[in-house]
Each structure stands twice: as structure tokens, then as C-alpha cells.
């Protein structure tokens, strides 16, 4: 892997994705669903705090290497993803919190996920 594609701390996050997380932006990956006709996604959502709210009120975005994160694995009825009722039949399969980037990496490893599989939400069909 090229040094420009990974971070200086040795993690597997592509630099642009790690930067997005540090700026408080959610990332998503599609994972196998439990059965045909279903679609499943895992999202990593940085937990925002009052400092983020203040920065937003001042017109900027705060980067934070010490962010906490929430992971959620959700599954949906594939036929409902494009409508307003995508949550009918949706299931929260698993959820976890990570206290920092190292704990996030450990949680992803435990879930069998690679950081480089995550993309921005608009690059997926994830309705969440």
C-alpha cells in the first residue's frame, strides 16, 4: 500500500476516510444480508459534542483525533430502500461504541470489517 493511502499511525484507514471521521462525518459499508431480498449496512458515526456545535455555529468544522464513535449494523427490506418507509422491517443487528480510533479499529476487526471498505454515505444505498 502506498504511504499516501494509509495514515502515519499505522492504521489501515485511507487518509481521506480517517480525515472524514475526525471531522465528524459518517462512513458506511454494505455487508452481506441475512437472506435474499434484504440489504445490510454498517455505519461508523463519530459522536459529536458541544465543541462541534460551537464550531458549526461559527461556520467551521472541528477536526478531533480523540473522537468517540458509534457503529451500527442495520438490515433492511431491499425493496423499501428507495422509499420513505425504508424503516418498515428494518432491524438493528448490532451496535457498539468505541472510545477512540484504536477502539474503533478493534471493533471493526471483531466484526470482520476492513477500514478501506468504508465509503461516504452518498456512495451507497444506505438509507440511514
Protein backbone atom coordinates (compact mmCIF):
# COMPACT_ATOMS: atom_id res chain seq x y z
CA UNK A 1 0.00 0.00 0.00
CA UNK A 2 1.26 3.45 -0.89
CA UNK A 3 2.14 5.66 2.09
CA UNK A 4 -0.32 8.25 0.82
CA UNK A 5 -3.14 5.73 1.18
CA UNK A 6 -2.65 4.99 4.88
CA UNK A 7 -2.15 7.06 7.97
CA UNK A 8 1.10 7.80 9.75
CA UNK A 9 -0.07 5.92 12.86
CA UNK A 10 -0.04 2.54 11.07
CA UNK A 11 -3.80 2.06 10.87
CA UNK A 12 -5.48 0.77 7.73
CA UNK A 13 -7.71 3.82 7.22
CA UNK A 14 -7.22 5.62 3.93
CA UNK A 15 -6.22 9.18 4.77
CA UNK A 16 -9.34 10.77 3.28
CA UNK A 17 -11.65 8.47 5.26
CA UNK A 18 -9.79 8.98 8.54
CA UNK A 19 -9.94 12.72 7.95
CA UNK A 20 -13.70 12.47 7.37
CA UNK A 21 -14.16 10.61 10.66
CA UNK A 22 -12.04 13.15 12.52
CA UNK A 23 -14.21 15.91 11.04
CA UNK A 24 -17.31 14.18 12.38
CA UNK A 25 -18.57 12.65 9.15
CA UNK A 26 -20.25 9.25 8.95
CA UNK A 27 -18.88 6.41 6.81
CA UNK A 28 -20.76 3.33 5.57
CA UNK A 29 -20.11 -0.09 4.06
CA UNK A 30 -22.54 -2.64 2.69
CA UNK A 31 -22.25 -6.11 4.23
CA UNK A 32 -23.93 -9.43 3.41
CA UNK A 33 -27.58 -9.61 4.48
CA UNK A 34 -29.15 -12.49 6.36
CA UNK A 35 -31.22 -13.66 3.40
CA UNK A 36 -32.16 -12.79 -0.20
CA UNK A 37 -34.24 -9.68 -0.61
CA UNK A 38 -32.54 -7.96 2.31
CA UNK A 39 -29.65 -5.46 2.29
CA UNK A 40 -27.39 -4.67 5.20
CA UNK A 41 -25.06 -1.80 6.04
CA UNK A 42 -22.62 -0.93 8.80
CA UNK A 43 -22.05 2.72 9.58
CA UNK A 44 -19.41 4.40 11.69
CA UNK A 45 -20.75 7.63 13.14
CA UNK A 46 -18.44 9.98 15.02
CA UNK A 47 -20.04 11.17 18.23
CA UNK A 48 -20.33 14.93 18.13
CA UNK A 49 -20.23 17.16 21.21
CA UNK A 50 -20.72 20.79 22.20
CA UNK A 51 -17.39 21.78 20.67
CA UNK A 52 -18.71 20.60 17.31
CA UNK A 53 -21.90 22.61 17.83
CA UNK A 54 -19.90 25.75 18.63
CA UNK A 55 -17.69 25.27 15.58
CA UNK A 56 -20.76 24.81 13.36
CA UNK A 57 -22.34 27.97 14.81
CA UNK A 58 -19.13 29.83 13.95
CA UNK A 59 -19.14 28.44 10.39
CA UNK A 60 -16.37 25.85 10.52
CA UNK A 61 -15.88 22.11 11.14
CA UNK A 62 -13.78 20.86 14.03
CA UNK A 63 -11.28 18.04 13.50
CA UNK A 64 -10.69 15.82 16.52
CA UNK A 65 -8.21 12.91 16.76
CA UNK A 66 -9.82 11.97 20.08
CA UNK A 67 -13.35 11.38 18.84
CA UNK A 68 -15.59 8.61 20.08
CA UNK A 69 -17.57 6.53 17.60
CA UNK A 70 -20.77 4.52 17.31
CA UNK A 71 -21.03 1.52 14.99
CA UNK A 72 -24.40 0.25 13.81
CA UNK A 73 -25.19 -2.78 11.68
CA UNK A 74 -28.67 -2.46 10.18
CA UNK A 75 -30.60 -4.64 7.77
CA UNK A 76 -33.45 -3.53 5.52
CA UNK A 77 -36.03 -4.94 3.16
CA UNK A 78 -34.26 -4.36 -0.17
CA UNK A 79 -37.48 -3.28 -1.91
CA UNK A 80 -38.04 -0.43 0.57
CA UNK A 81 -34.64 1.28 0.37
CA UNK A 82 -35.73 3.90 -2.15
CA UNK A 83 -38.91 4.96 -0.38
CA UNK A 84 -39.85 6.97 2.65
CA UNK A 85 -40.81 3.81 4.51
CA UNK A 86 -37.38 2.16 4.42
CA UNK A 87 -37.56 1.64 8.18
CA UNK A 88 -40.51 -0.79 7.93
CA UNK A 89 -38.99 -4.19 8.55
CA UNK A 90 -35.58 -2.71 9.35
CA UNK A 91 -33.55 -4.47 12.02
CA UNK A 92 -30.69 -3.21 14.16
CA UNK A 93 -28.45 -6.29 14.03
CA UNK A 94 -25.65 -4.97 16.25
CA UNK A 95 -24.37 -1.77 17.81
CA UNK A 96 -21.15 -0.84 19.57
CA UNK A 97 -19.39 2.25 20.87
CA UNK A 98 -15.67 2.90 20.51
CA UNK A 99 -13.87 5.27 22.85
CA UNK A 100 -11.23 6.30 20.29
CA UNK A 101 -9.66 5.40 16.94
CA UNK A 102 -7.81 2.38 18.37
CA UNK A 103 -11.02 1.01 19.88
CA UNK A 104 -12.80 1.63 16.58
CA UNK A 105 -10.16 -0.40 14.73
CA UNK A 106 -10.51 -3.20 17.31
CA UNK A 107 -14.30 -3.21 16.94
CA UNK A 108 -14.07 -3.36 13.16
CA UNK A 109 -11.64 -6.25 13.41
CA UNK A 110 -14.01 -8.06 15.78
CA UNK A 111 -16.84 -7.52 13.27
CA UNK A 112 -14.65 -8.77 10.40
CA UNK A 113 -14.61 -5.41 8.60
CA UNK A 114 -11.75 -3.54 6.94
CA UNK A 115 -11.47 0.25 7.20
CA UNK A 116 -10.79 0.54 3.47
CA UNK A 117 -14.25 -0.92 2.74
CA UNK A 118 -15.99 2.18 4.12
CA UNK A 119 -17.17 5.00 1.86
CA UNK A 120 -19.17 8.19 2.22
CA UNK A 121 -22.92 7.64 2.70
CA UNK A 122 -23.81 9.21 -0.65
CA UNK A 123 -21.75 6.49 -2.37
CA UNK A 124 -24.08 3.78 -1.01
CA UNK A 125 -27.76 2.91 -0.97
CA UNK A 126 -27.79 3.07 2.85
CA UNK A 127 -30.96 4.92 3.86
CA UNK A 128 -29.74 5.54 7.40
